[in-house]
Amino acid sequence: MTATRGDGGWISGFLRNPRLSGEGRTDVPERPTEETSGAPVPCRVVVCRDCCCGSPKVTGDHAAQTARLRAEMPVRISDCLDVCDQANVIVVQPSTAGRAAGARPVWLGLVNDPDATEDIVAWVRAGGPGVAPRPDILDLYAFTPPRRRTEP
């Protein structure tokens, strides 16, 4: 389902979807994009908060980290991303402009202190992946998730 301007937006299109049952969702609406909302989509951040990330197993104020990120950008909390050896994991998804430039999501691990969180905030404010160069300090946190690794 693709919503267009003037049709009430993607939410109303989702609510009018006849494939939805009373027992729960059987269809998930498309996320708003530049084409459906009329505005560029900003960088989004996915924060892992499950078995290791965000738990007492990992040091840091997890609630403060999440609140800080939410104050600056759209944030989605995820169940386990299956990279527990990198806890706390944050994935920075590129904006519309970043995607147009060919950027892919950037996975950052071991983000366990407020300074690292501030470095992420500053990078996203500057445009994030594909728009602004990643600060050198964040190179220390960047990793390739196992399912994306390529063998030499």
N, C-alpha and C. Protein backbone atom coordinates (compact mmCIF):
# COMPACT_ATOMS: atom_id res chain seq x y z
N MET A 1 0.85 -1.16 0.00
CA MET A 1 0.00 0.00 0.00
C MET A 1 0.90 1.23 0.00
N THR A 2 0.68 2.11 -0.93
CA THR A 2 1.44 3.34 -0.99
C THR A 2 0.48 4.50 -0.87
N ALA A 3 0.68 5.32 0.13
CA ALA A 3 -0.17 6.48 0.32
C ALA A 3 0.38 7.64 -0.50
N THR A 4 -0.48 8.49 -0.95
CA THR A 4 -0.07 9.69 -1.66
C THR A 4 -0.63 10.89 -0.94
N ARG A 5 -0.11 12.04 -1.28
CA ARG A 5 -0.63 13.26 -0.65
C ARG A 5 -2.10 13.41 -0.96
N GLY A 6 -2.85 13.89 0.02
CA GLY A 6 -4.27 14.15 -0.19
C GLY A 6 -5.17 12.98 0.12
N ASP A 7 -4.59 11.81 0.45
CA ASP A 7 -5.46 10.67 0.75
C ASP A 7 -5.60 10.44 2.25
N GLY A 8 -5.14 11.38 3.05
CA GLY A 8 -5.25 11.24 4.50
C GLY A 8 -3.99 10.70 5.13
N GLY A 9 -2.96 10.45 4.32
CA GLY A 9 -1.69 9.99 4.88
C GLY A 9 -1.64 8.49 5.06
N TRP A 10 -0.48 8.01 5.42
CA TRP A 10 -0.26 6.57 5.52
C TRP A 10 -1.00 5.96 6.69
N ILE A 11 -1.23 6.70 7.77
CA ILE A 11 -1.95 6.14 8.92
C ILE A 11 -3.40 5.87 8.54
N SER A 12 -4.06 6.85 7.94
CA SER A 12 -5.46 6.63 7.60
C SER A 12 -5.59 5.54 6.55
N GLY A 13 -4.61 5.44 5.63
CA GLY A 13 -4.63 4.36 4.65
C GLY A 13 -4.50 3.01 5.33
N PHE A 14 -3.66 2.95 6.34
CA PHE A 14 -3.50 1.72 7.10
C PHE A 14 -4.79 1.35 7.83
N LEU A 15 -5.43 2.35 8.44
CA LEU A 15 -6.64 2.08 9.20
C LEU A 15 -7.79 1.65 8.30
N ARG A 16 -7.78 2.09 7.05
CA ARG A 16 -8.83 1.70 6.11
C ARG A 16 -8.54 0.38 5.41
N ASN A 17 -7.38 -0.20 5.67
CA ASN A 17 -6.97 -1.42 4.98
C ASN A 17 -7.91 -2.57 5.32
N PRO A 18 -8.61 -3.13 4.33
CA PRO A 18 -9.57 -4.20 4.60
C PRO A 18 -8.92 -5.52 5.00
N ARG A 19 -7.60 -5.66 4.81
CA ARG A 19 -6.93 -6.91 5.16
C ARG A 19 -6.64 -7.04 6.64
N LEU A 20 -6.92 -6.01 7.42
CA LEU A 20 -6.68 -6.09 8.86
C LEU A 20 -7.79 -6.89 9.52
N SER A 21 -7.42 -7.79 10.40
CA SER A 21 -8.42 -8.56 11.12
C SER A 21 -8.56 -8.01 12.53
N GLY A 22 -9.62 -8.36 13.20
CA GLY A 22 -9.83 -7.93 14.58
C GLY A 22 -8.90 -8.63 15.54
N GLU A 23 -8.25 -9.71 15.13
CA GLU A 23 -7.38 -10.48 16.01
C GLU A 23 -5.98 -9.88 16.11
N GLY A 24 -5.64 -8.94 15.28
CA GLY A 24 -4.30 -8.35 15.30
C GLY A 24 -3.91 -7.93 13.90
N ARG A 25 -2.69 -7.46 13.79
CA ARG A 25 -2.23 -6.97 12.49
C ARG A 25 -1.96 -8.13 11.56
N THR A 26 -2.41 -8.00 10.33
CA THR A 26 -2.05 -8.96 9.30
C THR A 26 -1.28 -8.25 8.20
N ASP A 27 -1.14 -6.95 8.34
CA ASP A 27 -0.43 -6.14 7.36
C ASP A 27 0.28 -5.03 8.11
N VAL A 28 1.45 -4.68 7.68
CA VAL A 28 2.19 -3.61 8.30
C VAL A 28 2.31 -2.49 7.28
N PRO A 29 1.97 -1.26 7.64
CA PRO A 29 2.04 -0.18 6.68
C PRO A 29 3.49 0.14 6.34
N GLU A 30 3.67 0.72 5.17
CA GLU A 30 4.99 1.19 4.81
C GLU A 30 5.34 2.36 5.71
N ARG A 31 6.64 2.47 6.05
CA ARG A 31 7.06 3.64 6.81
C ARG A 31 6.97 4.85 5.90
N PRO A 32 6.70 6.01 6.48
CA PRO A 32 6.66 7.20 5.65
C PRO A 32 8.00 7.41 4.95
N THR A 33 7.95 7.79 3.71
CA THR A 33 9.15 8.12 2.95
C THR A 33 8.96 9.50 2.39
N GLU A 34 9.99 10.00 1.74
CA GLU A 34 9.88 11.33 1.15
C GLU A 34 8.71 11.38 0.18
N GLU A 35 8.49 10.27 -0.56
CA GLU A 35 7.42 10.24 -1.53
C GLU A 35 6.04 10.23 -0.87
N THR A 36 5.89 9.57 0.28
CA THR A 36 4.58 9.45 0.91
C THR A 36 4.27 10.60 1.85
N SER A 37 5.29 11.22 2.43
CA SER A 37 5.03 12.28 3.39
C SER A 37 5.26 13.67 2.82
N GLY A 38 5.98 13.74 1.73
CA GLY A 38 6.27 15.03 1.13
C GLY A 38 7.47 15.73 1.75
N ALA A 39 8.07 15.15 2.78
CA ALA A 39 9.23 15.74 3.45
C ALA A 39 10.37 14.73 3.49
N PRO A 40 11.60 15.21 3.49
CA PRO A 40 12.72 14.27 3.61
C PRO A 40 12.65 13.50 4.93
N VAL A 41 13.03 12.24 4.88
CA VAL A 41 13.05 11.41 6.08
C VAL A 41 14.42 11.57 6.73
N PRO A 42 14.46 11.92 8.02
CA PRO A 42 15.75 12.13 8.68
C PRO A 42 16.43 10.80 9.01
N CYS A 43 17.66 10.90 9.51
CA CYS A 43 18.33 9.71 10.04
C CYS A 43 17.46 9.16 11.15
N ARG A 44 17.45 7.84 11.25
CA ARG A 44 16.74 7.17 12.34
C ARG A 44 17.76 6.30 13.06
N VAL A 45 17.48 6.05 14.33
CA VAL A 45 18.40 5.25 15.13
C VAL A 45 17.63 4.08 15.72
N VAL A 46 18.23 2.90 15.64
CA VAL A 46 17.68 1.71 16.28
C VAL A 46 18.59 1.41 17.47
N VAL A 47 17.99 1.28 18.65
CA VAL A 47 18.73 1.00 19.87
C VAL A 47 18.33 -0.39 20.36
N CYS A 48 19.31 -1.27 20.48
CA CYS A 48 19.04 -2.61 21.00
C CYS A 48 18.85 -2.51 22.51
N ARG A 49 17.77 -3.09 22.99
CA ARG A 49 17.49 -3.11 24.43
C ARG A 49 16.82 -4.44 24.76
N ASP A 50 17.64 -5.46 24.95
CA ASP A 50 17.05 -6.76 25.25
C ASP A 50 17.93 -7.50 26.24
N CYS A 51 18.43 -8.66 25.86
CA CYS A 51 19.07 -9.54 26.84
C CYS A 51 20.37 -8.98 27.41
N CYS A 52 21.16 -8.29 26.62
CA CYS A 52 22.41 -7.71 27.12
C CYS A 52 22.40 -6.19 27.04
N CYS A 53 22.12 -5.67 25.86
CA CYS A 53 22.06 -4.22 25.68
C CYS A 53 20.96 -3.65 26.57
N GLY A 54 21.30 -2.64 27.31
CA GLY A 54 20.30 -2.01 28.16
C GLY A 54 20.03 -2.74 29.46
N SER A 55 20.80 -3.75 29.76
CA SER A 55 20.59 -4.51 31.00
C SER A 55 21.72 -4.21 31.98
N PRO A 56 21.56 -4.63 33.22
CA PRO A 56 22.63 -4.42 34.21
C PRO A 56 23.94 -5.14 33.85
N LYS A 57 23.90 -6.07 32.89
CA LYS A 57 25.12 -6.75 32.45
C LYS A 57 26.12 -5.77 31.84
N VAL A 58 25.58 -4.65 31.32
CA VAL A 58 26.40 -3.65 30.64
C VAL A 58 26.33 -2.35 31.43
N THR A 59 27.48 -1.76 31.71
CA THR A 59 27.50 -0.53 32.49
C THR A 59 26.91 0.64 31.71
N GLY A 60 26.46 1.64 32.45
CA GLY A 60 25.95 2.86 31.82
C GLY A 60 24.50 3.11 32.19
N ASP A 61 24.07 4.34 31.96
CA ASP A 61 22.70 4.74 32.23
C ASP A 61 21.91 4.59 30.93
N HIS A 62 21.30 3.45 30.76
CA HIS A 62 20.62 3.12 29.50
C HIS A 62 19.42 4.02 29.25
N ALA A 63 18.67 4.34 30.28
CA ALA A 63 17.51 5.22 30.11
C ALA A 63 17.94 6.61 29.68
N ALA A 64 19.02 7.11 30.25
CA ALA A 64 19.52 8.44 29.87
C ALA A 64 20.02 8.43 28.43
N GLN A 65 20.68 7.36 28.03
CA GLN A 65 21.17 7.26 26.66
C GLN A 65 20.01 7.29 25.67
N THR A 66 18.99 6.50 25.94
CA THR A 66 17.83 6.46 25.06
C THR A 66 17.12 7.81 25.03
N ALA A 67 16.97 8.44 26.18
CA ALA A 67 16.31 9.75 26.25
C ALA A 67 17.11 10.79 25.47
N ARG A 68 18.42 10.76 25.58
CA ARG A 68 19.27 11.72 24.86
C ARG A 68 19.11 11.56 23.36
N LEU A 69 19.13 10.34 22.90
CA LEU A 69 18.96 10.09 21.46
C LEU A 69 17.58 10.53 21.00
N ARG A 70 16.55 10.20 21.78
CA ARG A 70 15.18 10.58 21.41
C ARG A 70 14.98 12.09 21.37
N ALA A 71 15.75 12.82 22.13
CA ALA A 71 15.64 14.28 22.13
C ALA A 71 16.12 14.88 20.82
N GLU A 72 16.90 14.13 20.06
CA GLU A 72 17.51 14.66 18.84
C GLU A 72 17.06 14.01 17.54
N MET A 73 16.51 12.78 17.61
CA MET A 73 16.22 12.05 16.38
C MET A 73 15.17 10.98 16.64
N PRO A 74 14.55 10.48 15.56
CA PRO A 74 13.62 9.36 15.74
C PRO A 74 14.38 8.12 16.22
N VAL A 75 13.86 7.46 17.24
CA VAL A 75 14.52 6.29 17.83
C VAL A 75 13.52 5.15 17.89
N ARG A 76 13.99 3.97 17.51
CA ARG A 76 13.19 2.76 17.64
C ARG A 76 13.95 1.82 18.56
N ILE A 77 13.26 1.27 19.54
CA ILE A 77 13.85 0.30 20.46
C ILE A 77 13.63 -1.09 19.86
N SER A 78 14.68 -1.87 19.82
CA SER A 78 14.63 -3.19 19.21
C SER A 78 14.85 -4.27 20.26
N ASP A 79 14.30 -5.44 19.98
CA ASP A 79 14.68 -6.63 20.73
C ASP A 79 16.12 -6.96 20.34
N CYS A 80 16.63 -8.06 20.81
CA CYS A 80 18.02 -8.45 20.59
C CYS A 80 18.38 -8.45 19.11
N LEU A 81 19.48 -7.80 18.78
CA LEU A 81 19.99 -7.76 17.40
C LEU A 81 21.03 -8.85 17.16
N ASP A 82 21.21 -9.74 18.13
CA ASP A 82 22.10 -10.89 18.03
C ASP A 82 23.58 -10.54 17.86
N VAL A 83 23.99 -9.46 18.48
CA VAL A 83 25.40 -9.11 18.53
C VAL A 83 25.75 -8.72 19.97
N CYS A 84 25.41 -9.61 20.89
CA CYS A 84 25.55 -9.33 22.33
C CYS A 84 27.00 -9.03 22.73
N ASP A 85 27.97 -9.53 21.98
CA ASP A 85 29.36 -9.24 22.30
C ASP A 85 29.71 -7.77 22.04
N GLN A 86 28.81 -7.03 21.39
CA GLN A 86 29.02 -5.61 21.09
C GLN A 86 28.13 -4.68 21.92
N ALA A 87 27.44 -5.21 22.95
CA ALA A 87 26.48 -4.41 23.73
C ALA A 87 27.15 -3.18 24.32
N ASN A 88 26.49 -2.10 24.24
CA ASN A 88 25.22 -1.62 23.72
C ASN A 88 25.35 -1.31 22.23
N VAL A 89 24.37 -1.76 21.45
CA VAL A 89 24.41 -1.59 20.01
C VAL A 89 23.42 -0.51 19.59
N ILE A 90 23.89 0.36 18.71
CA ILE A 90 23.07 1.41 18.11
C ILE A 90 23.31 1.35 16.61
N VAL A 91 22.22 1.34 15.84
CA VAL A 91 22.31 1.33 14.39
C VAL A 91 21.79 2.67 13.87
N VAL A 92 22.62 3.39 13.12
CA VAL A 92 22.23 4.67 12.55
C VAL A 92 21.81 4.43 11.11
N GLN A 93 20.54 4.67 10.83
CA GLN A 93 20.01 4.48 9.48
C GLN A 93 20.08 5.80 8.74
N PRO A 94 20.52 5.78 7.49
CA PRO A 94 20.67 7.04 6.75
C PRO A 94 19.35 7.74 6.48
N SER A 95 19.45 9.04 6.28
CA SER A 95 18.30 9.85 5.89
C SER A 95 17.99 9.60 4.42
N THR A 96 16.96 10.24 3.92
CA THR A 96 16.64 10.14 2.50
C THR A 96 17.83 10.56 1.65
N ALA A 97 18.45 11.68 2.02
CA ALA A 97 19.61 12.17 1.26
C ALA A 97 20.78 11.20 1.36
N GLY A 98 20.98 10.61 2.52
CA GLY A 98 22.05 9.64 2.68
C GLY A 98 21.83 8.40 1.84
N ARG A 99 20.59 7.91 1.81
CA ARG A 99 20.26 6.75 0.96
C ARG A 99 20.50 7.08 -0.51
N ALA A 100 20.10 8.28 -0.90
CA ALA A 100 20.29 8.70 -2.30
C ALA A 100 21.78 8.72 -2.66
N ALA A 101 22.63 8.99 -1.67
CA ALA A 101 24.07 9.01 -1.88
C ALA A 101 24.68 7.62 -1.77
N GLY A 102 23.85 6.60 -1.52
CA GLY A 102 24.34 5.23 -1.45
C GLY A 102 24.69 4.73 -0.07
N ALA A 103 24.39 5.49 0.96
CA ALA A 103 24.75 5.08 2.32
C ALA A 103 23.89 3.91 2.79
N ARG A 104 24.47 3.12 3.66
CA ARG A 104 23.80 1.98 4.29
C ARG A 104 23.80 2.22 5.79
N PRO A 105 22.98 1.48 6.54
CA PRO A 105 22.99 1.64 8.00
C PRO A 105 24.38 1.37 8.58
N VAL A 106 24.71 2.11 9.62
CA VAL A 106 26.00 1.96 10.29
C VAL A 106 25.74 1.38 11.68
N TRP A 107 26.38 0.24 11.95
CA TRP A 107 26.23 -0.44 13.23
C TRP A 107 27.36 0.00 14.14
N LEU A 108 26.98 0.44 15.33
CA LEU A 108 27.95 0.89 16.33
C LEU A 108 27.79 0.05 17.59
N GLY A 109 28.88 -0.48 18.09
CA GLY A 109 28.83 -1.33 19.27
C GLY A 109 29.66 -0.76 20.40
N LEU A 110 29.43 -1.31 21.59
CA LEU A 110 30.14 -0.90 22.80
C LEU A 110 29.92 0.59 23.11
N VAL A 111 28.72 1.08 22.78
CA VAL A 111 28.38 2.48 23.03
C VAL A 111 27.87 2.56 24.47
N ASN A 112 28.81 2.63 25.39
CA ASN A 112 28.49 2.50 26.81
C ASN A 112 28.78 3.74 27.64
N ASP A 113 29.11 4.85 27.00
CA ASP A 113 29.36 6.05 27.79
C ASP A 113 28.71 7.27 27.12
N PRO A 114 28.42 8.29 27.91
CA PRO A 114 27.73 9.47 27.38
C PRO A 114 28.50 10.18 26.25
N ASP A 115 29.83 10.16 26.30
CA ASP A 115 30.60 10.83 25.24
C ASP A 115 30.36 10.17 23.89
N ALA A 116 30.29 8.85 23.86
CA ALA A 116 30.01 8.15 22.60
C ALA A 116 28.62 8.49 22.09
N THR A 117 27.67 8.58 23.00
CA THR A 117 26.31 8.96 22.62
C THR A 117 26.30 10.36 22.03
N GLU A 118 27.04 11.28 22.63
CA GLU A 118 27.11 12.65 22.11
C GLU A 118 27.77 12.69 20.74
N ASP A 119 28.75 11.83 20.50
CA ASP A 119 29.38 11.76 19.18
C ASP A 119 28.38 11.32 18.12
N ILE A 120 27.51 10.37 18.48
CA ILE A 120 26.47 9.91 17.56
C ILE A 120 25.47 11.03 17.30
N VAL A 121 25.06 11.72 18.34
CA VAL A 121 24.12 12.84 18.19
C VAL A 121 24.69 13.90 17.26
N ALA A 122 25.96 14.26 17.45
CA ALA A 122 26.59 15.29 16.62
C ALA A 122 26.65 14.85 15.16
N TRP A 123 26.96 13.58 14.92
CA TRP A 123 27.05 13.07 13.55
C TRP A 123 25.68 13.09 12.88
N VAL A 124 24.66 12.65 13.59
CA VAL A 124 23.31 12.65 13.02
C VAL A 124 22.84 14.08 12.76
N ARG A 125 23.13 14.99 13.67
CA ARG A 125 22.78 16.41 13.46
C ARG A 125 23.43 16.96 12.20
N ALA A 126 24.66 16.50 11.92
CA ALA A 126 25.39 16.96 10.74
C ALA A 126 24.89 16.30 9.46
N GLY A 127 24.04 15.29 9.57
CA GLY A 127 23.48 14.63 8.39
C GLY A 127 23.59 13.12 8.41
N GLY A 128 24.52 12.58 9.18
CA GLY A 128 24.64 11.13 9.31
C GLY A 128 25.22 10.44 8.08
N PRO A 129 25.02 9.13 7.99
CA PRO A 129 25.62 8.33 6.91
C PRO A 129 25.26 8.87 5.52
N GLY A 130 26.29 8.99 4.67
CA GLY A 130 26.09 9.42 3.30
C GLY A 130 26.02 10.91 3.12
N VAL A 131 25.85 11.66 4.20
CA VAL A 131 25.75 13.11 4.11
C VAL A 131 26.95 13.77 4.79
N ALA A 132 27.26 13.33 5.99
CA ALA A 132 28.38 13.87 6.75
C ALA A 132 29.38 12.74 7.00
N PRO A 133 30.67 13.03 6.89
CA PRO A 133 31.65 11.98 7.17
C PRO A 133 31.53 11.51 8.62
N ARG A 134 31.69 10.21 8.81
CA ARG A 134 31.64 9.67 10.17
C ARG A 134 32.85 10.17 10.94
N PRO A 135 32.63 10.72 12.13
CA PRO A 135 33.78 11.18 12.94
C PRO A 135 34.73 10.02 13.21
N ASP A 136 36.02 10.33 13.18
CA ASP A 136 37.03 9.29 13.39
C ASP A 136 36.79 8.51 14.67
N ILE A 137 36.36 9.18 15.73
CA ILE A 137 36.14 8.49 17.00
C ILE A 137 35.09 7.39 16.86
N LEU A 138 34.09 7.59 16.01
CA LEU A 138 33.05 6.56 15.84
C LEU A 138 33.55 5.36 15.04
N ASP A 139 34.67 5.51 14.34
CA ASP A 139 35.26 4.36 13.66
C ASP A 139 35.64 3.28 14.68
N LEU A 140 35.95 3.71 15.90
CA LEU A 140 36.30 2.75 16.95
C LEU A 140 35.10 1.90 17.38
N TYR A 141 33.89 2.39 17.14
CA TYR A 141 32.67 1.70 17.55
C TYR A 141 32.02 0.94 16.40
N ALA A 142 32.37 1.29 15.17
CA ALA A 142 31.71 0.69 13.99
C ALA A 142 32.12 -0.77 13.82
N PHE A 143 31.14 -1.57 13.44
CA PHE A 143 31.41 -2.98 13.15
C PHE A 143 30.43 -3.47 12.09
N THR A 144 30.77 -4.59 11.47
CA THR A 144 29.89 -5.23 10.50
C THR A 144 29.19 -6.37 11.21
N PRO A 145 27.86 -6.37 11.22
CA PRO A 145 27.15 -7.47 11.88
C PRO A 145 27.46 -8.79 11.19
N PRO A 146 27.47 -9.90 11.92
CA PRO A 146 27.89 -11.19 11.38
C PRO A 146 27.19 -11.60 10.09
N ARG A 147 25.93 -11.36 9.95
CA ARG A 147 25.24 -11.81 8.75
C ARG A 147 25.66 -11.05 7.50
N ARG A 148 26.41 -9.98 7.67
CA ARG A 148 26.84 -9.18 6.54
C ARG A 148 28.32 -9.32 6.24
N ARG A 149 29.01 -10.07 7.04
CA ARG A 149 30.45 -10.22 6.82
C ARG A 149 30.69 -11.00 5.54
N THR A 150 31.73 -10.61 4.85
CA THR A 150 32.10 -11.34 3.64
C THR A 150 33.43 -12.05 3.90
N GLU A 151 33.52 -13.24 3.41
CA GLU A 151 34.74 -14.03 3.59
C GLU A 151 35.76 -13.57 2.56
N PRO A 152 37.06 -13.49 2.94
CA PRO A 152 38.10 -13.04 1.99
C PRO A 152 38.32 -14.03 0.88
